[in-house]
Amino acid sequence: MDALILSRIQFAVNISFHILFPVINIALAWFVVYFRYKAGKTGDAGWLAAYRFWTKVFAITFALGVVSGVTMSFQFGTNWPGFMEKAGNIAGPLLGYEVLTAFFLEAGFLGIMLFGRER
């Protein structure tokens, strides 16, 4: 196989792996909110235990999504330099906006959720 096919296979594997984590986190966020709501409303320790467990899973999937997302953004430039030369003025700001909104907002709220739990 030539380098072009191998690099496209590498990117396909990476993006297939990466997309799982944002999807899981979007769905899991609603369950975590529900578990926290039920724990606060009922005072049941079972809801709080479920909340704490799934918060850890949420944090792990976030970290894996960040790692696979960072490598994916570098692969845009290394695997398709011709495409990024032509579309980079559009794709670059979109990738930057995605980092600012998705990563920083999600990381900020995750930090509040994890480190502000006992406050």
PDB file of N, CA and C in Angstrom:
ATOM      1  N   MET A   1       0.840  -1.195   0.000  1.00  0.00           N
ATOM      2  CA  MET A   1       0.000   0.000   0.000  1.00  0.00           C
ATOM      3  C   MET A   1       0.878   1.248   0.000  1.00  0.00           C
ATOM      4  N   ASP A   2       0.364   2.268  -0.619  1.00  0.00           N
ATOM      5  CA  ASP A   2       1.120   3.516  -0.636  1.00  0.00           C
ATOM      6  C   ASP A   2       0.780   4.370   0.590  1.00  0.00           C
ATOM      7  N   ALA A   3       1.544   5.405   0.794  1.00  0.00           N
ATOM      8  CA  ALA A   3       1.406   6.247   1.986  1.00  0.00           C
ATOM      9  C   ALA A   3       0.055   6.949   2.049  1.00  0.00           C
ATOM     10  N   LEU A   4      -0.518   7.290   0.897  1.00  0.00           N
ATOM     11  CA  LEU A   4      -1.804   7.979   0.883  1.00  0.00           C
ATOM     12  C   LEU A   4      -2.904   7.093   1.460  1.00  0.00           C
ATOM     13  N   ILE A   5      -2.946   5.853   1.023  1.00  0.00           N
ATOM     14  CA  ILE A   5      -3.975   4.930   1.519  1.00  0.00           C
ATOM     15  C   ILE A   5      -3.765   4.657   3.008  1.00  0.00           C
ATOM     16  N   LEU A   6      -2.530   4.454   3.418  1.00  0.00           N
ATOM     17  CA  LEU A   6      -2.249   4.200   4.835  1.00  0.00           C
ATOM     18  C   LEU A   6      -2.639   5.391   5.708  1.00  0.00           C
ATOM     19  N   SER A   7      -2.360   6.602   5.240  1.00  0.00           N
ATOM     20  CA  SER A   7      -2.714   7.775   6.038  1.00  0.00           C
ATOM     21  C   SER A   7      -4.225   7.944   6.107  1.00  0.00           C
ATOM     22  N   ARG A   8      -4.924   7.617   5.040  1.00  0.00           N
ATOM     23  CA  ARG A   8      -6.387   7.702   5.079  1.00  0.00           C
ATOM     24  C   ARG A   8      -6.986   6.638   5.987  1.00  0.00           C
ATOM     25  N   ILE A   9      -6.402   5.455   5.998  1.00  0.00           N
ATOM     26  CA  ILE A   9      -6.860   4.403   6.916  1.00  0.00           C
ATOM     27  C   ILE A   9      -6.614   4.838   8.354  1.00  0.00           C
ATOM     28  N   GLN A  10      -5.450   5.424   8.605  1.00  0.00           N
ATOM     29  CA  GLN A  10      -5.136   5.907   9.946  1.00  0.00           C
ATOM     30  C   GLN A  10      -6.147   6.963  10.389  1.00  0.00           C
ATOM     31  N   PHE A  11      -6.469   7.901   9.518  1.00  0.00           N
ATOM     32  CA  PHE A  11      -7.431   8.945   9.872  1.00  0.00           C
ATOM     33  C   PHE A  11      -8.826   8.352  10.078  1.00  0.00           C
ATOM     34  N   ALA A  12      -9.212   7.386   9.247  1.00  0.00           N
ATOM     35  CA  ALA A  12     -10.531   6.756   9.395  1.00  0.00           C
ATOM     36  C   ALA A  12     -10.647   6.037  10.729  1.00  0.00           C
ATOM     37  N   VAL A  13      -9.599   5.349  11.129  1.00  0.00           N
ATOM     38  CA  VAL A  13      -9.615   4.667  12.428  1.00  0.00           C
ATOM     39  C   VAL A  13      -9.693   5.690  13.556  1.00  0.00           C
ATOM     40  N   ASN A  14      -8.902   6.760  13.444  1.00  0.00           N
ATOM     41  CA  ASN A  14      -8.882   7.773  14.489  1.00  0.00           C
ATOM     42  C   ASN A  14     -10.230   8.481  14.620  1.00  0.00           C
ATOM     43  N   ILE A  15     -10.831   8.876  13.504  1.00  0.00           N
ATOM     44  CA  ILE A  15     -12.103   9.598  13.596  1.00  0.00           C
ATOM     45  C   ILE A  15     -13.232   8.664  14.032  1.00  0.00           C
ATOM     46  N   SER A  16     -13.152   7.383  13.647  1.00  0.00           N
ATOM     47  CA  SER A  16     -14.150   6.416  14.103  1.00  0.00           C
ATOM     48  C   SER A  16     -14.038   6.189  15.601  1.00  0.00           C
ATOM     49  N   PHE A  17     -12.812   6.194  16.105  1.00  0.00           N
ATOM     50  CA  PHE A  17     -12.575   6.049  17.536  1.00  0.00           C
ATOM     51  C   PHE A  17     -12.991   7.311  18.279  1.00  0.00           C
ATOM     52  N   HIS A  18     -12.667   8.469  17.716  1.00  0.00           N
ATOM     53  CA  HIS A  18     -12.931   9.743  18.393  1.00  0.00           C
ATOM     54  C   HIS A  18     -14.423  10.033  18.529  1.00  0.00           C
ATOM     55  N   ILE A  19     -15.195   9.777  17.495  1.00  0.00           N
ATOM     56  CA  ILE A  19     -16.612  10.174  17.513  1.00  0.00           C
ATOM     57  C   ILE A  19     -17.399   9.450  18.599  1.00  0.00           C
ATOM     58  N   LEU A  20     -16.912   8.310  19.029  1.00  0.00           N
ATOM     59  CA  LEU A  20     -17.600   7.586  20.102  1.00  0.00           C
ATOM     60  C   LEU A  20     -17.650   8.403  21.395  1.00  0.00           C
ATOM     61  N   PHE A  21     -16.587   9.104  21.692  1.00  0.00           N
ATOM     62  CA  PHE A  21     -16.494   9.782  22.986  1.00  0.00           C
ATOM     63  C   PHE A  21     -17.381  11.017  23.099  1.00  0.00           C
ATOM     64  N   PRO A  22     -17.455  11.905  22.116  1.00  0.00           N
ATOM     65  CA  PRO A  22     -18.419  12.999  22.238  1.00  0.00           C
ATOM     66  C   PRO A  22     -19.864  12.512  22.294  1.00  0.00           C
ATOM     67  N   VAL A  23     -20.170  11.487  21.530  1.00  0.00           N
ATOM     68  CA  VAL A  23     -21.541  10.956  21.548  1.00  0.00           C
ATOM     69  C   VAL A  23     -21.867  10.366  22.910  1.00  0.00           C
ATOM     70  N   ILE A  24     -20.945   9.593  23.458  1.00  0.00           N
ATOM     71  CA  ILE A  24     -21.164   9.012  24.790  1.00  0.00           C
ATOM     72  C   ILE A  24     -21.308  10.117  25.825  1.00  0.00           C
ATOM     73  N   ASN A  25     -20.467  11.146  25.763  1.00  0.00           N
ATOM     74  CA  ASN A  25     -20.519  12.217  26.763  1.00  0.00           C
ATOM     75  C   ASN A  25     -21.788  13.045  26.658  1.00  0.00           C
ATOM     76  N   ILE A  26     -22.258  13.289  25.456  1.00  0.00           N
ATOM     77  CA  ILE A  26     -23.505  14.054  25.315  1.00  0.00           C
ATOM     78  C   ILE A  26     -24.664  13.292  25.939  1.00  0.00           C
ATOM     79  N   ALA A  27     -24.736  12.003  25.674  1.00  0.00           N
ATOM     80  CA  ALA A  27     -25.818  11.200  26.254  1.00  0.00           C
ATOM     81  C   ALA A  27     -25.626  11.010  27.759  1.00  0.00           C
ATOM     82  N   LEU A  28     -24.394  10.754  28.167  1.00  0.00           N
ATOM     83  CA  LEU A  28     -24.123  10.489  29.577  1.00  0.00           C
ATOM     84  C   LEU A  28     -24.334  11.721  30.445  1.00  0.00           C
ATOM     85  N   ALA A  29     -24.152  12.896  29.880  1.00  0.00           N
ATOM     86  CA  ALA A  29     -24.358  14.123  30.651  1.00  0.00           C
ATOM     87  C   ALA A  29     -25.780  14.209  31.176  1.00  0.00           C
ATOM     88  N   TRP A  30     -26.751  13.806  30.369  1.00  0.00           N
ATOM     89  CA  TRP A  30     -28.148  13.852  30.815  1.00  0.00           C
ATOM     90  C   TRP A  30     -28.408  12.858  31.942  1.00  0.00           C
ATOM     91  N   PHE A  31     -27.780  11.684  31.872  1.00  0.00           N
ATOM     92  CA  PHE A  31     -27.944  10.711  32.956  1.00  0.00           C
ATOM     93  C   PHE A  31     -27.297  11.212  34.242  1.00  0.00           C
ATOM     94  N   VAL A  32     -26.122  11.823  34.126  1.00  0.00           N
ATOM     95  CA  VAL A  32     -25.430  12.344  35.308  1.00  0.00           C
ATOM     96  C   VAL A  32     -26.259  13.447  35.958  1.00  0.00           C
ATOM     97  N   VAL A  33     -26.837  14.323  35.159  1.00  0.00           N
ATOM     98  CA  VAL A  33     -27.707  15.382  35.699  1.00  0.00           C
ATOM     99  C   VAL A  33     -28.911  14.771  36.404  1.00  0.00           C
ATOM    100  N   TYR A  34     -29.498  13.761  35.786  1.00  0.00           N
ATOM    101  CA  TYR A  34     -30.666  13.108  36.395  1.00  0.00           C
ATOM    102  C   TYR A  34     -30.295  12.438  37.714  1.00  0.00           C
ATOM    103  N   PHE A  35     -29.163  11.724  37.736  1.00  0.00           N
ATOM    104  CA  PHE A  35     -28.737  11.062  38.973  1.00  0.00           C
ATOM    105  C   PHE A  35     -28.478  12.080  40.075  1.00  0.00           C
ATOM    106  N   ARG A  36     -27.870  13.197  39.729  1.00  0.00           N
ATOM    107  CA  ARG A  36     -27.598  14.231  40.739  1.00  0.00           C
ATOM    108  C   ARG A  36     -28.898  14.869  41.233  1.00  0.00           C
ATOM    109  N   TYR A  37     -29.816  15.082  40.313  1.00  0.00           N
ATOM    110  CA  TYR A  37     -31.113  15.641  40.693  1.00  0.00           C
ATOM    111  C   TYR A  37     -31.849  14.705  41.655  1.00  0.00           C
ATOM    112  N   LYS A  38     -31.877  13.426  41.314  1.00  0.00           N
ATOM    113  CA  LYS A  38     -32.571  12.453  42.183  1.00  0.00           C
ATOM    114  C   LYS A  38     -31.869  12.314  43.527  1.00  0.00           C
ATOM    115  N   ALA A  39     -30.538  12.386  43.541  1.00  0.00           N
ATOM    116  CA  ALA A  39     -29.804  12.295  44.802  1.00  0.00           C
ATOM    117  C   ALA A  39     -30.116  13.493  45.684  1.00  0.00           C
ATOM    118  N   GLY A  40     -30.204  14.673  45.107  1.00  0.00           N
ATOM    119  CA  GLY A  40     -30.522  15.859  45.890  1.00  0.00           C
ATOM    120  C   GLY A  40     -31.964  15.889  46.343  1.00  0.00           C
ATOM    121  N   LYS A  41     -32.878  15.393  45.508  1.00  0.00           N
ATOM    122  CA  LYS A  41     -34.299  15.438  45.839  1.00  0.00           C
ATOM    123  C   LYS A  41     -34.695  14.379  46.861  1.00  0.00           C
ATOM    124  N   THR A  42     -34.179  13.158  46.692  1.00  0.00           N
ATOM    125  CA  THR A  42     -34.584  12.066  47.578  1.00  0.00           C
ATOM    126  C   THR A  42     -33.648  11.870  48.757  1.00  0.00           C
ATOM    127  N   GLY A  43     -32.383  12.273  48.618  1.00  0.00           N
ATOM    128  CA  GLY A  43     -31.413  12.040  49.681  1.00  0.00           C
ATOM    129  C   GLY A  43     -30.956  10.591  49.747  1.00  0.00           C
ATOM    130  N   ASP A  44     -31.314   9.790  48.743  1.00  0.00           N
ATOM    131  CA  ASP A  44     -30.953   8.378  48.703  1.00  0.00           C
ATOM    132  C   ASP A  44     -29.477   8.235  48.338  1.00  0.00           C
ATOM    133  N   ALA A  45     -28.759   7.445  49.111  1.00  0.00           N
ATOM    134  CA  ALA A  45     -27.331   7.244  48.863  1.00  0.00           C
ATOM    135  C   ALA A  45     -27.075   6.478  47.572  1.00  0.00           C
ATOM    136  N   GLY A  46     -28.030   5.691  47.117  1.00  0.00           N
ATOM    137  CA  GLY A  46     -27.873   4.942  45.871  1.00  0.00           C
ATOM    138  C   GLY A  46     -27.770   5.852  44.660  1.00  0.00           C
ATOM    139  N   TRP A  47     -28.587   6.907  44.644  1.00  0.00           N
ATOM    140  CA  TRP A  47     -28.511   7.864  43.542  1.00  0.00           C
ATOM    141  C   TRP A  47     -27.184   8.604  43.555  1.00  0.00           C
ATOM    142  N   LEU A  48     -26.709   8.942  44.750  1.00  0.00           N
ATOM    143  CA  LEU A  48     -25.425   9.633  44.856  1.00  0.00           C
ATOM    144  C   LEU A  48     -24.276   8.724  44.430  1.00  0.00           C
ATOM    145  N   ALA A  49     -24.352   7.443  44.771  1.00  0.00           N
ATOM    146  CA  ALA A  49     -23.320   6.489  44.346  1.00  0.00           C
ATOM    147  C   ALA A  49     -23.329   6.327  42.829  1.00  0.00           C
ATOM    148  N   ALA A  50     -24.513   6.280  42.233  1.00  0.00           N
ATOM    149  CA  ALA A  50     -24.612   6.193  40.772  1.00  0.00           C
ATOM    150  C   ALA A  50     -24.049   7.452  40.129  1.00  0.00           C
ATOM    151  N   TYR A  51     -24.347   8.596  40.714  1.00  0.00           N
ATOM    152  CA  TYR A  51     -23.822   9.858  40.200  1.00  0.00           C
ATOM    153  C   TYR A  51     -22.300   9.868  40.243  1.00  0.00           C
ATOM    154  N   ARG A  52     -21.723   9.470  41.354  1.00  0.00           N
ATOM    155  CA  ARG A  52     -20.266   9.490  41.482  1.00  0.00           C
ATOM    156  C   ARG A  52     -19.598   8.502  40.529  1.00  0.00           C
ATOM    157  N   PHE A  53     -20.179   7.320  40.356  1.00  0.00           N
ATOM    158  CA  PHE A  53     -19.616   6.337  39.434  1.00  0.00           C
ATOM    159  C   PHE A  53     -19.647   6.848  38.001  1.00  0.00           C
ATOM    160  N   TRP A  54     -20.805   7.333  37.559  1.00  0.00           N
ATOM    161  CA  TRP A  54     -20.927   7.760  36.166  1.00  0.00           C
ATOM    162  C   TRP A  54     -20.194   9.066  35.897  1.00  0.00           C
ATOM    163  N   THR A  55     -19.930   9.847  36.932  1.00  0.00           N
ATOM    164  CA  THR A  55     -19.096  11.031  36.765  1.00  0.00           C
ATOM    165  C   THR A  55     -17.664  10.625  36.440  1.00  0.00           C
ATOM    166  N   LYS A  56     -17.192   9.562  37.054  1.00  0.00           N
ATOM    167  CA  LYS A  56     -15.851   9.062  36.740  1.00  0.00           C
ATOM    168  C   LYS A  56     -15.785   8.545  35.307  1.00  0.00           C
ATOM    169  N   VAL A  57     -16.811   7.831  34.884  1.00  0.00           N
ATOM    170  CA  VAL A  57     -16.859   7.346  33.502  1.00  0.00           C
ATOM    171  C   VAL A  57     -16.896   8.530  32.547  1.00  0.00           C
ATOM    172  N   PHE A  58     -17.668   9.554  32.889  1.00  0.00           N
ATOM    173  CA  PHE A  58     -17.758  10.765  32.080  1.00  0.00           C
ATOM    174  C   PHE A  58     -16.389  11.429  31.939  1.00  0.00           C
ATOM    175  N   ALA A  59     -15.646  11.526  33.027  1.00  0.00           N
ATOM    176  CA  ALA A  59     -14.324  12.155  33.001  1.00  0.00           C
ATOM    177  C   ALA A  59     -13.344  11.348  32.152  1.00  0.00           C
ATOM    178  N   ILE A  60     -13.411  10.038  32.238  1.00  0.00           N
ATOM    179  CA  ILE A  60     -12.509   9.189  31.450  1.00  0.00           C
ATOM    180  C   ILE A  60     -12.823   9.315  29.965  1.00  0.00           C
ATOM    181  N   THR A  61     -14.104   9.295  29.604  1.00  0.00           N
ATOM    182  CA  THR A  61     -14.452   9.425  28.184  1.00  0.00           C
ATOM    183  C   THR A  61     -14.104  10.821  27.661  1.00  0.00           C
ATOM    184  N   PHE A  62     -14.198  11.823  28.512  1.00  0.00           N
ATOM    185  CA  PHE A  62     -13.774  13.158  28.101  1.00  0.00           C
ATOM    186  C   PHE A  62     -12.280  13.178  27.804  1.00  0.00           C
ATOM    187  N   ALA A  63     -11.488  12.591  28.689  1.00  0.00           N
ATOM    188  CA  ALA A  63     -10.037  12.567  28.494  1.00  0.00           C
ATOM    189  C   ALA A  63      -9.665  11.801  27.224  1.00  0.00           C
ATOM    190  N   LEU A  64     -10.299  10.679  26.975  1.00  0.00           N
ATOM    191  CA  LEU A  64     -10.014   9.917  25.758  1.00  0.00           C
ATOM    192  C   LEU A  64     -10.442  10.684  24.510  1.00  0.00           C
ATOM    193  N   GLY A  65     -11.540  11.418  24.606  1.00  0.00           N
ATOM    194  CA  GLY A  65     -11.979  12.242  23.485  1.00  0.00           C
ATOM    195  C   GLY A  65     -11.009  13.367  23.190  1.00  0.00           C
ATOM    196  N   VAL A  66     -10.439  13.946  24.224  1.00  0.00           N
ATOM    197  CA  VAL A  66      -9.452  15.017  24.031  1.00  0.00           C
ATOM    198  C   VAL A  66      -8.204  14.471  23.339  1.00  0.00           C
ATOM    199  N   VAL A  67      -7.717  13.345  23.804  1.00  0.00           N
ATOM    200  CA  VAL A  67      -6.505  12.765  23.232  1.00  0.00           C
ATOM    201  C   VAL A  67      -6.715  12.400  21.763  1.00  0.00           C
ATOM    202  N   SER A  68      -7.809  11.736  21.466  1.00  0.00           N
ATOM    203  CA  SER A  68      -8.048  11.348  20.068  1.00  0.00           C
ATOM    204  C   SER A  68      -8.398  12.566  19.209  1.00  0.00           C
ATOM    205  N   GLY A  69      -8.999  13.590  19.773  1.00  0.00           N
ATOM    206  CA  GLY A  69      -9.325  14.796  19.017  1.00  0.00           C
ATOM    207  C   GLY A  69      -8.102  15.625  18.674  1.00  0.00           C
ATOM    208  N   VAL A  70      -7.143  15.688  19.582  1.00  0.00           N
ATOM    209  CA  VAL A  70      -5.920  16.444  19.306  1.00  0.00           C
ATOM    210  C   VAL A  70      -5.153  15.788  18.165  1.00  0.00           C
ATOM    211  N   THR A  71      -5.011  14.474  18.210  1.00  0.00           N
ATOM    212  CA  THR A  71      -4.296  13.806  17.122  1.00  0.00           C
ATOM    213  C   THR A  71      -5.058  13.932  15.805  1.00  0.00           C
ATOM    214  N   MET A  72      -6.366  13.944  15.876  1.00  0.00           N
ATOM    215  CA  MET A  72      -7.162  14.072  14.657  1.00  0.00           C
ATOM    216  C   MET A  72      -6.960  15.446  14.011  1.00  0.00           C
ATOM    217  N   SER A  73      -6.879  16.487  14.803  1.00  0.00           N
ATOM    218  CA  SER A  73      -6.680  17.814  14.222  1.00  0.00           C
ATOM    219  C   SER A  73      -5.316  17.942  13.562  1.00  0.00           C
ATOM    220  N   PHE A  74      -4.301  17.289  14.105  1.00  0.00           N
ATOM    221  CA  PHE A  74      -2.993  17.302  13.451  1.00  0.00           C
ATOM    222  C   PHE A  74      -3.024  16.504  12.151  1.00  0.00           C
ATOM    223  N   GLN A  75      -3.830  15.472  12.112  1.00  0.00           N
ATOM    224  CA  GLN A  75      -3.892  14.647  10.911  1.00  0.00           C
ATOM    225  C   GLN A  75      -4.528  15.373   9.734  1.00  0.00           C
ATOM    226  N   PHE A  76      -5.325  16.373   9.983  1.00  0.00           N
ATOM    227  CA  PHE A  76      -5.858  17.155   8.863  1.00  0.00           C
ATOM    228  C   PHE A  76      -4.714  17.756   8.051  1.00  0.00           C
ATOM    229  N   GLY A  77      -3.746  18.322   8.741  1.00  0.00           N
ATOM    230  CA  GLY A  77      -2.630  18.953   8.050  1.00  0.00           C
ATOM    231  C   GLY A  77      -1.623  17.973   7.491  1.00  0.00           C
ATOM    232  N   THR A  78      -1.408  16.854   8.177  1.00  0.00           N
ATOM    233  CA  THR A  78      -0.397  15.908   7.698  1.00  0.00           C
ATOM    234  C   THR A  78      -0.928  14.972   6.622  1.00  0.00           C
ATOM    235  N   ASN A  79      -2.203  14.614   6.680  1.00  0.00           N
ATOM    236  CA  ASN A  79      -2.753  13.662   5.710  1.00  0.00           C
ATOM    237  C   ASN A  79      -3.272  14.340   4.452  1.00  0.00           C
ATOM    238  N   TRP A  80      -3.772  15.564   4.582  1.00  0.00           N
ATOM    239  CA  TRP A  80      -4.327  16.269   3.433  1.00  0.00           C
ATOM    240  C   TRP A  80      -3.765  17.689   3.359  1.00  0.00           C
ATOM    241  N   PRO A  81      -2.467  17.824   3.131  1.00  0.00           N
ATOM    242  CA  PRO A  81      -1.915  19.184   3.087  1.00  0.00           C
ATOM    243  C   PRO A  81      -2.444  20.002   1.911  1.00  0.00           C
ATOM    244  N   GLY A  82      -2.705  19.377   0.776  1.00  0.00           N
ATOM    245  CA  GLY A  82      -3.248  20.105  -0.369  1.00  0.00           C
ATOM    246  C   GLY A  82      -4.640  20.630  -0.099  1.00  0.00           C
ATOM    247  N   PHE A  83      -5.459  19.784   0.518  1.00  0.00           N
ATOM    248  CA  PHE A  83      -6.823  20.205   0.872  1.00  0.00           C
ATOM    249  C   PHE A  83      -6.794  21.336   1.897  1.00  0.00           C
ATOM    250  N   MET A  84      -5.935  21.192   2.905  1.00  0.00           N
ATOM    251  CA  MET A  84      -5.879  22.224   3.945  1.00  0.00           C
ATOM    252  C   MET A  84      -5.263  23.522   3.421  1.00  0.00           C
ATOM    253  N   GLU A  85      -4.421  23.416   2.375  1.00  0.00           N
ATOM    254  CA  GLU A  85      -3.897  24.642   1.771  1.00  0.00           C
ATOM    255  C   GLU A  85      -5.018  25.434   1.109  1.00  0.00           C
ATOM    256  N   LYS A  86      -5.939  24.730   0.488  1.00  0.00           N
ATOM    257  CA  LYS A  86      -7.061  25.395  -0.186  1.00  0.00           C
ATOM    258  C   LYS A  86      -8.180  25.768   0.792  1.00  0.00           C
ATOM    259  N   ALA A  87      -8.509  24.872   1.726  1.00  0.00           N
ATOM    260  CA  ALA A  87      -9.650  25.081   2.622  1.00  0.00           C
ATOM    261  C   ALA A  87      -9.237  25.484   4.030  1.00  0.00           C
ATOM    262  N   GLY A  88      -7.937  25.692   4.238  1.00  0.00           N
ATOM    263  CA  GLY A  88      -7.452  26.000   5.585  1.00  0.00           C
ATOM    264  C   GLY A  88      -7.997  27.289   6.162  1.00  0.00           C
ATOM    265  N   ASN A  89      -8.281  28.278   5.299  1.00  0.00           N
ATOM    266  CA  ASN A  89      -8.828  29.546   5.797  1.00  0.00           C
ATOM    267  C   ASN A  89     -10.231  29.374   6.358  1.00  0.00           C
ATOM    268  N   ILE A  90     -10.916  28.331   5.941  1.00  0.00           N
ATOM    269  CA  ILE A  90     -12.250  28.051   6.471  1.00  0.00           C
ATOM    270  C   ILE A  90     -12.178  26.997   7.573  1.00  0.00           C
ATOM    271  N   ALA A  91     -11.445  25.915   7.325  1.00  0.00           N
ATOM    272  CA  ALA A  91     -11.381  24.815   8.288  1.00  0.00           C
ATOM    273  C   ALA A  91     -10.611  25.199   9.548  1.00  0.00           C
ATOM    274  N   GLY A  92      -9.569  26.009   9.427  1.00  0.00           N
ATOM    275  CA  GLY A  92      -8.768  26.396  10.586  1.00  0.00           C
ATOM    276  C   GLY A  92      -9.559  27.126  11.663  1.00  0.00           C
ATOM    277  N   PRO A  93     -10.289  28.203  11.302  1.00  0.00           N
ATOM    278  CA  PRO A  93     -11.097  28.870  12.320  1.00  0.00           C
ATOM    279  C   PRO A  93     -12.198  27.985  12.896  1.00  0.00           C
ATOM    280  N   LEU A  94     -12.755  27.088  12.078  1.00  0.00           N
ATOM    281  CA  LEU A  94     -13.770  26.173  12.596  1.00  0.00           C
ATOM    282  C   LEU A  94     -13.181  25.210  13.622  1.00  0.00           C
ATOM    283  N   LEU A  95     -11.978  24.714  13.347  1.00  0.00           N
ATOM    284  CA  LEU A  95     -11.317  23.845  14.327  1.00  0.00           C
ATOM    285  C   LEU A  95     -10.980  24.630  15.599  1.00  0.00           C
ATOM    286  N   GLY A  96     -10.532  25.870  15.441  1.00  0.00           N
ATOM    287  CA  GLY A  96     -10.257  26.701  16.607  1.00  0.00           C
ATOM    288  C   GLY A  96     -11.507  26.984  17.422  1.00  0.00           C
ATOM    289  N   TYR A  97     -12.604  27.252  16.741  1.00  0.00           N
ATOM    290  CA  TYR A  97     -13.874  27.491  17.428  1.00  0.00           C
ATOM    291  C   TYR A  97     -14.338  26.239  18.154  1.00  0.00           C
ATOM    292  N   GLU A  98     -14.125  25.089  17.523  1.00  0.00           N
ATOM    293  CA  GLU A  98     -14.511  23.828  18.162  1.00  0.00           C
ATOM    294  C   GLU A  98     -13.699  23.609  19.423  1.00  0.00           C
ATOM    295  N   VAL A  99     -12.425  23.931  19.385  1.00  0.00           N
ATOM    296  CA  VAL A  99     -11.584  23.779  20.571  1.00  0.00           C
ATOM    297  C   VAL A  99     -12.045  24.728  21.669  1.00  0.00           C
ATOM    298  N   LEU A 100     -12.320  25.974  21.303  1.00  0.00           N
ATOM    299  CA  LEU A 100     -12.738  26.954  22.313  1.00  0.00           C
ATOM    300  C   LEU A 100     -14.072  26.585  22.946  1.00  0.00           C
ATOM    301  N   THR A 101     -15.033  26.187  22.123  1.00  0.00           N
ATOM    302  CA  THR A 101     -16.358  25.907  22.677  1.00  0.00           C
ATOM    303  C   THR A 101     -16.425  24.525  23.320  1.00  0.00           C
ATOM    304  N   ALA A 102     -16.125  23.506  22.544  1.00  0.00           N
ATOM    305  CA  ALA A 102     -16.301  22.150  23.057  1.00  0.00           C
ATOM    306  C   ALA A 102     -15.304  21.836  24.160  1.00  0.00           C
ATOM    307  N   PHE A 103     -14.037  22.047  23.891  1.00  0.00           N
ATOM    308  CA  PHE A 103     -13.041  21.631  24.865  1.00  0.00           C
ATOM    309  C   PHE A 103     -13.048  22.508  26.108  1.00  0.00           C
ATOM    310  N   PHE A 104     -12.928  23.815  25.944  1.00  0.00           N
ATOM    311  CA  PHE A 104     -12.798  24.673  27.122  1.00  0.00           C
ATOM    312  C   PHE A 104     -14.079  24.726  27.946  1.00  0.00           C
ATOM    313  N   LEU A 105     -15.215  24.817  27.294  1.00  0.00           N
ATOM    314  CA  LEU A 105     -16.464  24.824  28.060  1.00  0.00           C
ATOM    315  C   LEU A 105     -16.688  23.492  28.765  1.00  0.00           C
ATOM    316  N   GLU A 106     -16.486  22.416  28.027  1.00  0.00           N
ATOM    317  CA  GLU A 106     -16.699  21.101  28.638  1.00  0.00           C
ATOM    318  C   GLU A 106     -15.685  20.849  29.746  1.00  0.00           C
ATOM    319  N   ALA A 107     -14.431  21.226  29.528  1.00  0.00           N
ATOM    320  CA  ALA A 107     -13.420  21.046  30.563  1.00  0.00           C
ATOM    321  C   ALA A 107     -13.721  21.917  31.781  1.00  0.00           C
ATOM    322  N   GLY A 108     -14.198  23.124  31.547  1.00  0.00           N
ATOM    323  CA  GLY A 108     -14.549  23.997  32.666  1.00  0.00           C
ATOM    324  C   GLY A 108     -15.682  23.444  33.503  1.00  0.00           C
ATOM    325  N   PHE A 109     -16.736  23.013  32.845  1.00  0.00           N
ATOM    326  CA  PHE A 109     -17.864  22.454  33.590  1.00  0.00           C
ATOM    327  C   PHE A 109     -17.521  21.113  34.235  1.00  0.00           C
ATOM    328  N   LEU A 110     -16.681  20.323  33.574  1.00  0.00           N
ATOM    329  CA  LEU A 110     -16.245  19.067  34.179  1.00  0.00           C
ATOM    330  C   LEU A 110     -15.412  19.346  35.427  1.00  0.00           C
ATOM    331  N   GLY A 111     -14.553  20.354  35.360  1.00  0.00           N
ATOM    332  CA  GLY A 111     -13.774  20.726  36.538  1.00  0.00           C
ATOM    333  C   GLY A 111     -14.650  21.196  37.680  1.00  0.00           C
ATOM    334  N   ILE A 112     -15.662  21.985  37.360  1.00  0.00           N
ATOM    335  CA  ILE A 112     -16.606  22.420  38.399  1.00  0.00           C
ATOM    336  C   ILE A 112     -17.317  21.219  39.002  1.00  0.00           C
ATOM    337  N   MET A 113     -17.726  20.290  38.133  1.00  0.00           N
ATOM    338  CA  MET A 113     -18.450  19.112  38.611  1.00  0.00           C
ATOM    339  C   MET A 113     -17.560  18.224  39.479  1.00  0.00           C
ATOM    340  N   LEU A 114     -16.307  18.025  39.085  1.00  0.00           N
ATOM    341  CA  LEU A 114     -15.429  17.131  39.833  1.00  0.00           C
ATOM    342  C   LEU A 114     -14.864  17.772  41.095  1.00  0.00           C
ATOM    343  N   PHE A 115     -14.383  19.012  40.979  1.00  0.00           N
ATOM    344  CA  PHE A 115     -13.709  19.633  42.110  1.00  0.00           C
ATOM    345  C   PHE A 115     -14.645  20.423  43.010  1.00  0.00           C
ATOM    346  N   GLY A 116     -15.841  20.704  42.537  1.00  0.00           N
ATOM    347  CA  GLY A 116     -16.799  21.410  43.379  1.00  0.00           C
ATOM    348  C   GLY A 116     -17.863  20.500  43.960  1.00  0.00           C
ATOM    349  N   ARG A 117     -17.626  19.201  43.891  1.00  0.00           N
ATOM    350  CA  ARG A 117     -18.625  18.232  44.321  1.00  0.00           C
ATOM    351  C   ARG A 117     -18.967  18.354  45.797  1.00  0.00           C
ATOM    352  N   GLU A 118     -17.987  18.562  46.636  1.00  0.00           N
ATOM    353  CA  GLU A 118     -18.227  18.598  48.074  1.00  0.00           C
ATOM    354  C   GLU A 118     -18.509  20.000  48.596  1.00  0.00           C
ATOM    355  N   ARG A 119     -18.601  20.973  47.713  1.00  0.00           N
ATOM    356  CA  ARG A 119     -18.841  22.350  48.151  1.00  0.00           C
ATOM    357  C   ARG A 119     -20.277  22.721  47.992  1.00  0.00           C
TER     358      ARG A 119
END
